[in-house]
Amino acid sequence: MESLEKINQKTRTAYNKAAQKYYDLFNSELEKKEFDKEFINNYLRYFDPSSVICDAGCGPCGHIDNYIFQKGFEIIGIDISDRCIEIAKNHYPLIHFETSDFTKLNYEDNYFDGLISYYSIIDTPKIYICKILKEFNRVLKKNGRLLLVVKEGESEGYEKELIGIKTTIYFSLFTEKEIKAFLTESGFEDIKIEKRIPYKDEIQFNRIFSISNKIT
């Protein structure tokens, strides 16, 4: 298995190539996903207007960030792809976006009230997932809440394209049992999980949604 650093470099390259097409395809997708919006709304009930939330792996669309920003919360979107961040900034100049590797966040311990990982860990081999989740745990405050969303399945490995663009990127699917185990091992508890089937215009994998809190 390659190092996490080398895998992340391939992820950065892939999303730099695909960023504009990704934005064109998905920038408005949240508008028609009622389950997703309701799940985010339930997550936001844990916070107040003074809370600071991180979207780790925001991509070029910034639609999750804008949805949360419009509800009056401070949100910081980060992504490993500088091209993704450039596009997100252009469309939402009032929101703070920055290029960063979420496997080694540029924030001190106990900084965020909440952290969102919306399909962002799916480009990582499963052997490194706990390393990432422990980093999320580190930057969360006492009782901080993590919203994690992945696609359901058991396979993992390199793919040779991303939304039709020739590139190399890792892709992991997860079972509910795996997600619970990864979260528990990484210092999270009170794990609430819901699943939904894919919408007709999505890649046909079930989605696993979870909310958990940092162990005090």
C-alpha atoms as a PDB file:
ATOM      1  CA  MET A   1       0.000   0.000   0.000  1.00  0.00           C
ATOM      2  CA  GLU A   2       1.276   3.452  -0.915  1.00  0.00           C
ATOM      3  CA  SER A   3       1.778   6.084   1.752  1.00  0.00           C
ATOM      4  CA  LEU A   4      -1.119   8.347   2.634  1.00  0.00           C
ATOM      5  CA  GLU A   5       0.897  11.309   1.336  1.00  0.00           C
ATOM      6  CA  LYS A   6       1.235   9.747  -2.136  1.00  0.00           C
ATOM      7  CA  ILE A   7      -2.436   8.797  -2.219  1.00  0.00           C
ATOM      8  CA  ASN A   8      -3.424  12.328  -1.223  1.00  0.00           C
ATOM      9  CA  GLN A   9      -1.261  13.753  -3.991  1.00  0.00           C
ATOM     10  CA  LYS A  10      -3.172  11.647  -6.504  1.00  0.00           C
ATOM     11  CA  THR A  11      -6.445  12.857  -4.989  1.00  0.00           C
ATOM     12  CA  ARG A  12      -5.280  16.476  -5.315  1.00  0.00           C
ATOM     13  CA  THR A  13      -4.286  15.952  -8.958  1.00  0.00           C
ATOM     14  CA  ALA A  14      -7.551  14.196  -9.800  1.00  0.00           C
ATOM     15  CA  TYR A  15      -9.762  16.912  -8.331  1.00  0.00           C
ATOM     16  CA  ASN A  16      -7.689  19.678  -9.863  1.00  0.00           C
ATOM     17  CA  LYS A  17      -8.431  18.070 -13.229  1.00  0.00           C
ATOM     18  CA  ALA A  18     -12.108  17.430 -12.528  1.00  0.00           C
ATOM     19  CA  ALA A  19     -13.011  20.494 -10.432  1.00  0.00           C
ATOM     20  CA  GLN A  20     -14.855  22.532 -13.044  1.00  0.00           C
ATOM     21  CA  LYS A  21     -16.813  19.573 -14.422  1.00  0.00           C
ATOM     22  CA  TYR A  22     -17.625  18.488 -10.870  1.00  0.00           C
ATOM     23  CA  TYR A  23     -18.991  21.967 -10.129  1.00  0.00           C
ATOM     24  CA  ASP A  24     -21.040  22.013 -13.333  1.00  0.00           C
ATOM     25  CA  LEU A  25     -22.594  18.633 -12.517  1.00  0.00           C
ATOM     26  CA  PHE A  26     -23.236  18.945  -8.799  1.00  0.00           C
ATOM     27  CA  ASN A  27     -23.362  22.587  -7.689  1.00  0.00           C
ATOM     28  CA  SER A  28     -27.135  22.598  -7.206  1.00  0.00           C
ATOM     29  CA  GLU A  29     -27.702  18.966  -6.217  1.00  0.00           C
ATOM     30  CA  LEU A  30     -28.462  19.676  -2.548  1.00  0.00           C
ATOM     31  CA  GLU A  31     -31.575  21.649  -3.506  1.00  0.00           C
ATOM     32  CA  LYS A  32     -33.457  18.475  -4.470  1.00  0.00           C
ATOM     33  CA  LYS A  33     -32.126  16.175  -1.756  1.00  0.00           C
ATOM     34  CA  GLU A  34     -34.680  16.517   1.001  1.00  0.00           C
ATOM     35  CA  PHE A  35     -33.222  13.686   3.106  1.00  0.00           C
ATOM     36  CA  ASP A  36     -29.780  15.305   3.090  1.00  0.00           C
ATOM     37  CA  LYS A  37     -31.114  18.734   4.001  1.00  0.00           C
ATOM     38  CA  GLU A  38     -33.167  17.333   6.863  1.00  0.00           C
ATOM     39  CA  PHE A  39     -30.172  15.378   8.152  1.00  0.00           C
ATOM     40  CA  ILE A  40     -28.027  18.518   8.084  1.00  0.00           C
ATOM     41  CA  ASN A  41     -30.813  20.448   9.825  1.00  0.00           C
ATOM     42  CA  ASN A  42     -30.883  17.849  12.608  1.00  0.00           C
ATOM     43  CA  TYR A  43     -27.110  18.121  12.918  1.00  0.00           C
ATOM     44  CA  LEU A  44     -27.264  21.913  13.206  1.00  0.00           C
ATOM     45  CA  ARG A  45     -29.565  21.642  16.211  1.00  0.00           C
ATOM     46  CA  TYR A  46     -26.476  20.809  18.266  1.00  0.00           C
ATOM     47  CA  PHE A  47     -25.039  24.290  17.653  1.00  0.00           C
ATOM     48  CA  ASP A  48     -25.736  27.972  18.190  1.00  0.00           C
ATOM     49  CA  PRO A  49     -24.712  31.057  16.148  1.00  0.00           C
ATOM     50  CA  SER A  50     -21.374  31.299  17.998  1.00  0.00           C
ATOM     51  CA  SER A  51     -20.368  27.814  16.849  1.00  0.00           C
ATOM     52  CA  VAL A  52     -17.622  27.269  14.276  1.00  0.00           C
ATOM     53  CA  ILE A  53     -18.029  24.314  11.903  1.00  0.00           C
ATOM     54  CA  CYS A  54     -15.507  22.832   9.478  1.00  0.00           C
ATOM     55  CA  ASP A  55     -16.439  21.214   6.165  1.00  0.00           C
ATOM     56  CA  ALA A  56     -13.488  18.879   5.593  1.00  0.00           C
ATOM     57  CA  GLY A  57     -13.369  18.167   1.876  1.00  0.00           C
ATOM     58  CA  CYS A  58     -15.793  20.810   0.634  1.00  0.00           C
ATOM     59  CA  GLY A  59     -15.024  20.322  -3.064  1.00  0.00           C
ATOM     60  CA  PRO A  60     -15.611  23.014  -5.693  1.00  0.00           C
ATOM     61  CA  CYS A  61     -19.367  23.357  -5.145  1.00  0.00           C
ATOM     62  CA  GLY A  62     -19.389  24.761  -1.620  1.00  0.00           C
ATOM     63  CA  HIS A  63     -23.110  23.970  -1.485  1.00  0.00           C
ATOM     64  CA  ILE A  64     -22.994  22.368   1.958  1.00  0.00           C
ATOM     65  CA  ASP A  65     -21.077  25.373   3.253  1.00  0.00           C
ATOM     66  CA  ASN A  66     -23.505  27.836   1.720  1.00  0.00           C
ATOM     67  CA  TYR A  67     -26.503  25.940   3.093  1.00  0.00           C
ATOM     68  CA  ILE A  68     -25.039  26.162   6.614  1.00  0.00           C
ATOM     69  CA  PHE A  69     -23.863  29.762   6.155  1.00  0.00           C
ATOM     70  CA  GLN A  70     -27.356  30.832   5.089  1.00  0.00           C
ATOM     71  CA  LYS A  71     -28.676  29.444   8.377  1.00  0.00           C
ATOM     72  CA  GLY A  72     -26.428  31.820  10.306  1.00  0.00           C
ATOM     73  CA  PHE A  73     -23.487  29.610  11.251  1.00  0.00           C
ATOM     74  CA  GLU A  74     -19.776  30.214  10.762  1.00  0.00           C
ATOM     75  CA  ILE A  75     -18.444  27.588   8.380  1.00  0.00           C
ATOM     76  CA  ILE A  76     -14.894  27.015   7.119  1.00  0.00           C
ATOM     77  CA  GLY A  77     -14.550  24.908   3.986  1.00  0.00           C
ATOM     78  CA  ILE A  78     -11.277  23.139   3.311  1.00  0.00           C
ATOM     79  CA  ASP A  79     -10.143  20.966   0.431  1.00  0.00           C
ATOM     80  CA  ILE A  80      -6.883  19.414  -0.727  1.00  0.00           C
ATOM     81  CA  SER A  81      -7.460  20.697  -4.277  1.00  0.00           C
ATOM     82  CA  ASP A  82      -6.468  24.313  -4.831  1.00  0.00           C
ATOM     83  CA  ARG A  83      -8.615  24.408  -7.980  1.00  0.00           C
ATOM     84  CA  CYS A  84     -11.671  23.279  -6.004  1.00  0.00           C
ATOM     85  CA  ILE A  85     -11.054  26.033  -3.464  1.00  0.00           C
ATOM     86  CA  GLU A  86     -10.610  28.630  -6.207  1.00  0.00           C
ATOM     87  CA  ILE A  87     -14.002  27.756  -7.705  1.00  0.00           C
ATOM     88  CA  ALA A  88     -15.754  27.662  -4.312  1.00  0.00           C
ATOM     89  CA  LYS A  89     -14.328  31.080  -3.400  1.00  0.00           C
ATOM     90  CA  ASN A  90     -15.457  32.567  -6.707  1.00  0.00           C
ATOM     91  CA  HIS A  91     -19.058  31.491  -6.138  1.00  0.00           C
ATOM     92  CA  TYR A  92     -19.273  32.177  -2.393  1.00  0.00           C
ATOM     93  CA  PRO A  93     -16.920  35.062  -1.561  1.00  0.00           C
ATOM     94  CA  LEU A  94     -18.471  35.633   1.877  1.00  0.00           C
ATOM     95  CA  ILE A  95     -17.545  32.127   3.066  1.00  0.00           C
ATOM     96  CA  HIS A  96     -14.048  31.243   4.239  1.00  0.00           C
ATOM     97  CA  PHE A  97     -12.456  28.532   2.080  1.00  0.00           C
ATOM     98  CA  GLU A  98      -8.859  27.365   2.218  1.00  0.00           C
ATOM     99  CA  THR A  99      -6.615  24.743   0.674  1.00  0.00           C
ATOM    100  CA  SER A 100      -5.647  22.201   3.310  1.00  0.00           C
ATOM    101  CA  ASP A 101      -5.012  18.494   3.764  1.00  0.00           C
ATOM    102  CA  PHE A 102      -7.515  17.240   6.326  1.00  0.00           C
ATOM    103  CA  THR A 103      -5.189  14.418   7.358  1.00  0.00           C
ATOM    104  CA  LYS A 104      -3.074  17.138   9.024  1.00  0.00           C
ATOM    105  CA  LEU A 105      -5.278  20.138   9.706  1.00  0.00           C
ATOM    106  CA  ASN A 106      -3.771  23.566  10.309  1.00  0.00           C
ATOM    107  CA  TYR A 107      -5.835  24.125  13.447  1.00  0.00           C
ATOM    108  CA  GLU A 108      -5.083  23.765  17.119  1.00  0.00           C
ATOM    109  CA  ASP A 109      -6.625  21.146  19.371  1.00  0.00           C
ATOM    110  CA  ASN A 110     -10.268  21.687  20.383  1.00  0.00           C
ATOM    111  CA  TYR A 111     -10.856  24.408  17.782  1.00  0.00           C
ATOM    112  CA  PHE A 112     -14.139  23.473  16.073  1.00  0.00           C
ATOM    113  CA  ASP A 113     -17.597  22.911  17.530  1.00  0.00           C
ATOM    114  CA  GLY A 114     -18.532  20.690  14.614  1.00  0.00           C
ATOM    115  CA  LEU A 115     -16.943  19.003  11.628  1.00  0.00           C
ATOM    116  CA  ILE A 116     -18.556  17.672   8.460  1.00  0.00           C
ATOM    117  CA  SER A 117     -17.045  15.033   6.195  1.00  0.00           C
ATOM    118  CA  TYR A 118     -19.467  14.665   3.287  1.00  0.00           C
ATOM    119  CA  TYR A 119     -18.161  11.820   1.108  1.00  0.00           C
ATOM    120  CA  SER A 120     -14.638  13.156   1.656  1.00  0.00           C
ATOM    121  CA  ILE A 121     -13.068  10.061   3.242  1.00  0.00           C
ATOM    122  CA  ILE A 122     -14.115   7.824   0.343  1.00  0.00           C
ATOM    123  CA  ASP A 123     -10.888   8.665  -1.537  1.00  0.00           C
ATOM    124  CA  THR A 124      -8.780   7.065   1.210  1.00  0.00           C
ATOM    125  CA  PRO A 125      -7.811   3.411   1.821  1.00  0.00           C
ATOM    126  CA  LYS A 126      -9.542   1.918   4.821  1.00  0.00           C
ATOM    127  CA  ILE A 127      -6.234   1.321   6.644  1.00  0.00           C
ATOM    128  CA  TYR A 128      -5.882   5.111   6.975  1.00  0.00           C
ATOM    129  CA  ILE A 129      -9.442   5.982   7.998  1.00  0.00           C
ATOM    130  CA  CYS A 130      -8.787   5.966  11.751  1.00  0.00           C
ATOM    131  CA  LYS A 131      -5.814   8.282  11.247  1.00  0.00           C
ATOM    132  CA  ILE A 132      -8.143  10.786   9.589  1.00  0.00           C
ATOM    133  CA  LEU A 133     -10.921  10.396  12.133  1.00  0.00           C
ATOM    134  CA  LYS A 134      -8.452  10.870  14.986  1.00  0.00           C
ATOM    135  CA  GLU A 135      -7.354  14.112  13.342  1.00  0.00           C
ATOM    136  CA  PHE A 136     -10.996  15.191  13.161  1.00  0.00           C
ATOM    137  CA  ASN A 137     -11.300  14.288  16.837  1.00  0.00           C
ATOM    138  CA  ARG A 138      -8.228  16.349  17.707  1.00  0.00           C
ATOM    139  CA  VAL A 139      -9.585  19.605  16.293  1.00  0.00           C
ATOM    140  CA  LEU A 140     -13.073  19.155  17.767  1.00  0.00           C
ATOM    141  CA  LYS A 141     -13.980  20.705  21.096  1.00  0.00           C
ATOM    142  CA  LYS A 142     -15.295  18.740  24.061  1.00  0.00           C
ATOM    143  CA  ASN A 143     -18.635  17.255  22.967  1.00  0.00           C
ATOM    144  CA  GLY A 144     -17.951  18.385  19.387  1.00  0.00           C
ATOM    145  CA  ARG A 145     -20.111  16.708  16.766  1.00  0.00           C
ATOM    146  CA  LEU A 146     -18.970  14.923  13.612  1.00  0.00           C
ATOM    147  CA  LEU A 147     -21.273  14.475  10.629  1.00  0.00           C
ATOM    148  CA  LEU A 148     -19.893  11.748   8.380  1.00  0.00           C
ATOM    149  CA  VAL A 149     -21.378  10.563   5.084  1.00  0.00           C
ATOM    150  CA  VAL A 150     -20.078   7.682   2.946  1.00  0.00           C
ATOM    151  CA  LYS A 151     -21.286   5.323   0.248  1.00  0.00           C
ATOM    152  CA  GLU A 152     -22.193   1.779   1.219  1.00  0.00           C
ATOM    153  CA  GLY A 153     -20.335  -1.302   0.071  1.00  0.00           C
ATOM    154  CA  GLU A 154     -17.276  -3.407   0.763  1.00  0.00           C
ATOM    155  CA  SER A 155     -14.833  -2.728  -2.071  1.00  0.00           C
ATOM    156  CA  GLU A 156     -11.850  -0.388  -2.281  1.00  0.00           C
ATOM    157  CA  GLY A 157      -9.093   0.327  -4.776  1.00  0.00           C
ATOM    158  CA  TYR A 158      -7.885   2.664  -7.485  1.00  0.00           C
ATOM    159  CA  GLU A 159     -10.191   3.926 -10.203  1.00  0.00           C
ATOM    160  CA  LYS A 160      -8.936   5.141 -13.605  1.00  0.00           C
ATOM    161  CA  GLU A 161     -11.368   8.006 -14.000  1.00  0.00           C
ATOM    162  CA  LEU A 162     -13.337  10.606 -12.075  1.00  0.00           C
ATOM    163  CA  ILE A 163     -16.689  11.728 -13.559  1.00  0.00           C
ATOM    164  CA  GLY A 164     -15.443  10.689 -16.988  1.00  0.00           C
ATOM    165  CA  ILE A 165     -12.056  12.385 -16.737  1.00  0.00           C
ATOM    166  CA  LYS A 166      -9.029  10.123 -17.093  1.00  0.00           C
ATOM    167  CA  THR A 167      -7.055  10.193 -13.854  1.00  0.00           C
ATOM    168  CA  THR A 168      -6.084   7.986 -10.899  1.00  0.00           C
ATOM    169  CA  ILE A 169      -8.037   8.153  -7.672  1.00  0.00           C
ATOM    170  CA  TYR A 170      -8.734   5.809  -4.773  1.00  0.00           C
ATOM    171  CA  PHE A 171     -12.318   4.857  -3.994  1.00  0.00           C
ATOM    172  CA  SER A 172     -13.592   3.140  -0.856  1.00  0.00           C
ATOM    173  CA  LEU A 173     -17.044   1.886   0.062  1.00  0.00           C
ATOM    174  CA  PHE A 174     -18.005   1.192   3.678  1.00  0.00           C
ATOM    175  CA  THR A 175     -20.404  -0.956   5.665  1.00  0.00           C
ATOM    176  CA  GLU A 176     -22.353   0.364   8.617  1.00  0.00           C
ATOM    177  CA  LYS A 177     -20.388  -1.992  10.880  1.00  0.00           C
ATOM    178  CA  GLU A 178     -17.080  -0.582   9.613  1.00  0.00           C
ATOM    179  CA  ILE A 179     -18.152   3.020  10.155  1.00  0.00           C
ATOM    180  CA  LYS A 180     -19.242   2.301  13.725  1.00  0.00           C
ATOM    181  CA  ALA A 181     -15.952   0.513  14.431  1.00  0.00           C
ATOM    182  CA  PHE A 182     -13.817   3.279  12.895  1.00  0.00           C
ATOM    183  CA  LEU A 183     -15.651   5.990  14.837  1.00  0.00           C
ATOM    184  CA  THR A 184     -15.448   4.111  18.138  1.00  0.00           C
ATOM    185  CA  GLU A 185     -11.733   3.401  17.699  1.00  0.00           C
ATOM    186  CA  SER A 186     -11.104   7.069  16.879  1.00  0.00           C
ATOM    187  CA  GLY A 187     -12.691   8.453  20.051  1.00  0.00           C
ATOM    188  CA  PHE A 188     -16.331   9.036  19.099  1.00  0.00           C
ATOM    189  CA  GLU A 189     -19.477   7.823  20.825  1.00  0.00           C
ATOM    190  CA  ASP A 190     -23.278   8.211  20.749  1.00  0.00           C
ATOM    191  CA  ILE A 191     -23.159   7.164  17.105  1.00  0.00           C
ATOM    192  CA  LYS A 192     -26.440   7.754  15.262  1.00  0.00           C
ATOM    193  CA  ILE A 193     -26.696   6.207  11.797  1.00  0.00           C
ATOM    194  CA  GLU A 194     -29.282   6.502   9.052  1.00  0.00           C
ATOM    195  CA  LYS A 195     -29.199   5.163   5.520  1.00  0.00           C
ATOM    196  CA  ARG A 196     -30.888   6.186   2.316  1.00  0.00           C
ATOM    197  CA  ILE A 197     -31.128   4.660  -1.123  1.00  0.00           C
ATOM    198  CA  PRO A 198     -29.625   6.647  -4.006  1.00  0.00           C
ATOM    199  CA  TYR A 199     -31.673   9.154  -5.932  1.00  0.00           C
ATOM    200  CA  LYS A 200     -32.260   8.125  -9.539  1.00  0.00           C
ATOM    201  CA  ASP A 201     -29.593  10.501 -10.904  1.00  0.00           C
ATOM    202  CA  GLU A 202     -26.899   9.449  -8.402  1.00  0.00           C
ATOM    203  CA  ILE A 203     -24.299   6.681  -8.555  1.00  0.00           C
ATOM    204  CA  GLN A 204     -26.261   3.658  -7.414  1.00  0.00           C
ATOM    205  CA  PHE A 205     -24.835   3.016  -3.961  1.00  0.00           C
ATOM    206  CA  ASN A 206     -26.767   3.383  -0.728  1.00  0.00           C
ATOM    207  CA  ARG A 207     -25.609   6.253   1.489  1.00  0.00           C
ATOM    208  CA  ILE A 208     -24.640   5.949   5.158  1.00  0.00           C
ATOM    209  CA  PHE A 209     -25.168   9.106   7.248  1.00  0.00           C
ATOM    210  CA  SER A 210     -23.851   9.350  10.795  1.00  0.00           C
ATOM    211  CA  ILE A 211     -23.608  11.845  13.632  1.00  0.00           C
ATOM    212  CA  SER A 212     -21.335  11.152  16.584  1.00  0.00           C
ATOM    213  CA  ASN A 213     -19.751  13.166  19.360  1.00  0.00           C
ATOM    214  CA  LYS A 214     -16.215  13.417  20.638  1.00  0.00           C
ATOM    215  CA  ILE A 215     -15.704  11.484  23.858  1.00  0.00           C
ATOM    216  CA  THR A 216     -15.058  13.939  26.703  1.00  0.00           C
END
